[in-house]
Amino acid sequence: MTLSSKPPRTRTESDSMGTIEVASDVYWGAQTQRSLVHFTIGNDRMPREVIRALGILKKA
């Protein structure tokens, strides 16, 4: 007899607002998942030059 049960694709996380389903392959928890659901968060990224400049400032 073989068991071919697949692991669940979501997990249940909870915070002060209650429980919420979060994908099992991500590292964030309930609060971040709620933010992704309720707010329009873009995919904008900082330009590489800005990241480099911040690194130089931090090093100084």
N, C-alpha and C. Protein backbone atom coordinates (compact mmCIF):
# COMPACT_ATOMS: atom_id res chain seq x y z
N MET A 1 0.84 -1.18 0.00
CA MET A 1 0.00 0.00 0.00
C MET A 1 0.88 1.24 0.00
N THR A 2 0.66 2.13 -0.94
CA THR A 2 1.44 3.36 -1.01
C THR A 2 0.54 4.54 -0.70
N LEU A 3 1.09 5.46 0.01
CA LEU A 3 0.37 6.69 0.32
C LEU A 3 0.87 7.77 -0.63
N SER A 4 -0.02 8.32 -1.38
CA SER A 4 0.36 9.37 -2.31
C SER A 4 -0.27 10.70 -1.91
N SER A 5 -0.24 10.99 -0.65
CA SER A 5 -0.82 12.25 -0.20
C SER A 5 0.18 13.37 -0.44
N LYS A 6 -0.31 14.42 -1.06
CA LYS A 6 0.53 15.59 -1.33
C LYS A 6 0.49 16.51 -0.12
N PRO A 7 1.60 17.20 0.14
CA PRO A 7 1.58 18.15 1.25
C PRO A 7 0.60 19.29 0.95
N PRO A 8 0.02 19.87 1.98
CA PRO A 8 -0.94 20.96 1.74
C PRO A 8 -0.26 22.16 1.07
N ARG A 9 -1.00 22.83 0.20
CA ARG A 9 -0.44 23.98 -0.50
C ARG A 9 -0.56 25.26 0.31
N THR A 10 -1.36 25.23 1.37
CA THR A 10 -1.48 26.39 2.25
C THR A 10 -1.31 25.96 3.69
N ARG A 11 -1.03 26.94 4.51
CA ARG A 11 -0.97 26.71 5.95
C ARG A 11 -1.81 27.79 6.61
N THR A 12 -2.25 27.53 7.81
CA THR A 12 -3.07 28.49 8.54
C THR A 12 -2.19 29.26 9.50
N GLU A 13 -2.15 30.58 9.32
CA GLU A 13 -1.41 31.47 10.21
C GLU A 13 -2.42 32.30 10.99
N SER A 14 -2.03 32.76 12.16
CA SER A 14 -2.95 33.59 12.94
C SER A 14 -2.21 34.78 13.51
N ASP A 15 -2.98 35.85 13.72
CA ASP A 15 -2.47 37.05 14.36
C ASP A 15 -3.61 37.65 15.19
N SER A 16 -3.48 38.91 15.58
CA SER A 16 -4.50 39.52 16.43
C SER A 16 -5.84 39.69 15.72
N MET A 17 -5.85 39.60 14.39
CA MET A 17 -7.09 39.76 13.63
C MET A 17 -7.78 38.43 13.34
N GLY A 18 -7.13 37.33 13.67
CA GLY A 18 -7.73 36.01 13.42
C GLY A 18 -6.81 35.13 12.60
N THR A 19 -7.39 34.16 11.92
CA THR A 19 -6.60 33.24 11.12
C THR A 19 -6.75 33.56 9.64
N ILE A 20 -5.73 33.18 8.86
CA ILE A 20 -5.73 33.40 7.42
C ILE A 20 -4.89 32.31 6.77
N GLU A 21 -5.26 31.92 5.57
CA GLU A 21 -4.51 30.92 4.83
C GLU A 21 -3.35 31.59 4.10
N VAL A 22 -2.17 31.00 4.22
CA VAL A 22 -0.95 31.51 3.57
C VAL A 22 -0.36 30.36 2.76
N ALA A 23 0.15 30.67 1.58
CA ALA A 23 0.77 29.63 0.76
C ALA A 23 1.91 28.98 1.53
N SER A 24 2.06 27.69 1.37
CA SER A 24 3.06 26.96 2.17
C SER A 24 4.48 27.18 1.69
N ASP A 25 4.66 27.74 0.50
CA ASP A 25 6.01 27.91 -0.03
C ASP A 25 6.56 29.33 0.13
N VAL A 26 5.93 30.16 0.95
CA VAL A 26 6.42 31.52 1.19
C VAL A 26 6.89 31.65 2.63
N TYR A 27 7.72 32.65 2.88
CA TYR A 27 8.32 32.82 4.20
C TYR A 27 7.56 33.79 5.11
N TRP A 28 6.56 34.50 4.59
CA TRP A 28 5.87 35.47 5.42
C TRP A 28 4.70 34.86 6.17
N GLY A 29 4.17 35.66 7.10
CA GLY A 29 3.10 35.18 7.96
C GLY A 29 1.79 35.90 7.71
N ALA A 30 0.95 35.92 8.73
CA ALA A 30 -0.42 36.40 8.62
C ALA A 30 -0.49 37.89 8.29
N GLN A 31 0.30 38.72 8.97
CA GLN A 31 0.19 40.16 8.75
C GLN A 31 0.59 40.56 7.34
N THR A 32 1.66 39.96 6.82
CA THR A 32 2.07 40.26 5.46
C THR A 32 1.03 39.76 4.46
N GLN A 33 0.47 38.59 4.70
CA GLN A 33 -0.56 38.06 3.80
C GLN A 33 -1.77 38.98 3.77
N ARG A 34 -2.18 39.49 4.93
CA ARG A 34 -3.31 40.43 4.97
C ARG A 34 -2.99 41.69 4.18
N SER A 35 -1.77 42.18 4.29
CA SER A 35 -1.37 43.37 3.54
C SER A 35 -1.45 43.11 2.04
N LEU A 36 -1.00 41.94 1.60
CA LEU A 36 -1.05 41.61 0.18
C LEU A 36 -2.49 41.52 -0.32
N VAL A 37 -3.39 41.05 0.53
CA VAL A 37 -4.79 40.90 0.13
C VAL A 37 -5.51 42.25 0.10
N HIS A 38 -5.25 43.10 1.09
CA HIS A 38 -6.04 44.32 1.26
C HIS A 38 -5.46 45.56 0.59
N PHE A 39 -4.20 45.57 0.27
CA PHE A 39 -3.57 46.76 -0.31
C PHE A 39 -2.97 46.42 -1.66
N THR A 40 -2.99 47.40 -2.56
CA THR A 40 -2.36 47.20 -3.86
C THR A 40 -0.87 47.48 -3.73
N ILE A 41 -0.12 46.42 -3.59
CA ILE A 41 1.33 46.53 -3.45
C ILE A 41 1.93 46.21 -4.81
N GLY A 42 2.72 47.15 -5.34
CA GLY A 42 3.28 46.97 -6.67
C GLY A 42 4.52 46.11 -6.68
N ASN A 43 5.01 45.89 -7.86
CA ASN A 43 6.24 45.12 -8.06
C ASN A 43 7.43 46.02 -8.35
N ASP A 44 7.31 47.31 -7.98
CA ASP A 44 8.39 48.25 -8.26
C ASP A 44 9.64 47.87 -7.49
N ARG A 45 10.76 48.04 -8.13
CA ARG A 45 12.05 47.75 -7.51
C ARG A 45 12.91 49.01 -7.56
N MET A 46 13.79 49.16 -6.58
CA MET A 46 14.72 50.27 -6.60
C MET A 46 15.77 50.02 -7.68
N PRO A 47 16.17 51.08 -8.39
CA PRO A 47 17.24 50.91 -9.37
C PRO A 47 18.53 50.47 -8.68
N ARG A 48 19.33 49.71 -9.39
CA ARG A 48 20.59 49.19 -8.85
C ARG A 48 21.50 50.33 -8.36
N GLU A 49 21.47 51.46 -9.06
CA GLU A 49 22.31 52.60 -8.68
C GLU A 49 21.94 53.13 -7.29
N VAL A 50 20.64 53.16 -6.99
CA VAL A 50 20.18 53.64 -5.68
C VAL A 50 20.63 52.68 -4.59
N ILE A 51 20.50 51.39 -4.83
CA ILE A 51 20.93 50.40 -3.84
C ILE A 51 22.42 50.52 -3.59
N ARG A 52 23.19 50.71 -4.65
CA ARG A 52 24.65 50.87 -4.51
C ARG A 52 24.97 52.13 -3.71
N ALA A 53 24.27 53.24 -4.01
CA ALA A 53 24.51 54.49 -3.29
C ALA A 53 24.19 54.34 -1.81
N LEU A 54 23.12 53.64 -1.47
CA LEU A 54 22.78 53.42 -0.07
C LEU A 54 23.85 52.58 0.62
N GLY A 55 24.41 51.62 -0.10
CA GLY A 55 25.51 50.82 0.45
C GLY A 55 26.74 51.65 0.73
N ILE A 56 27.05 52.57 -0.18
CA ILE A 56 28.20 53.46 0.01
C ILE A 56 27.97 54.36 1.22
N LEU A 57 26.75 54.89 1.36
CA LEU A 57 26.45 55.74 2.51
C LEU A 57 26.55 54.97 3.81
N LYS A 58 26.07 53.76 3.82
CA LYS A 58 26.12 52.94 5.03
C LYS A 58 27.57 52.63 5.41
N LYS A 59 28.39 52.40 4.41
CA LYS A 59 29.80 52.06 4.65
C LYS A 59 30.57 53.27 5.19
N ALA A 60 30.14 54.48 4.83
CA ALA A 60 30.87 55.70 5.22
C ALA A 60 30.79 56.01 6.69
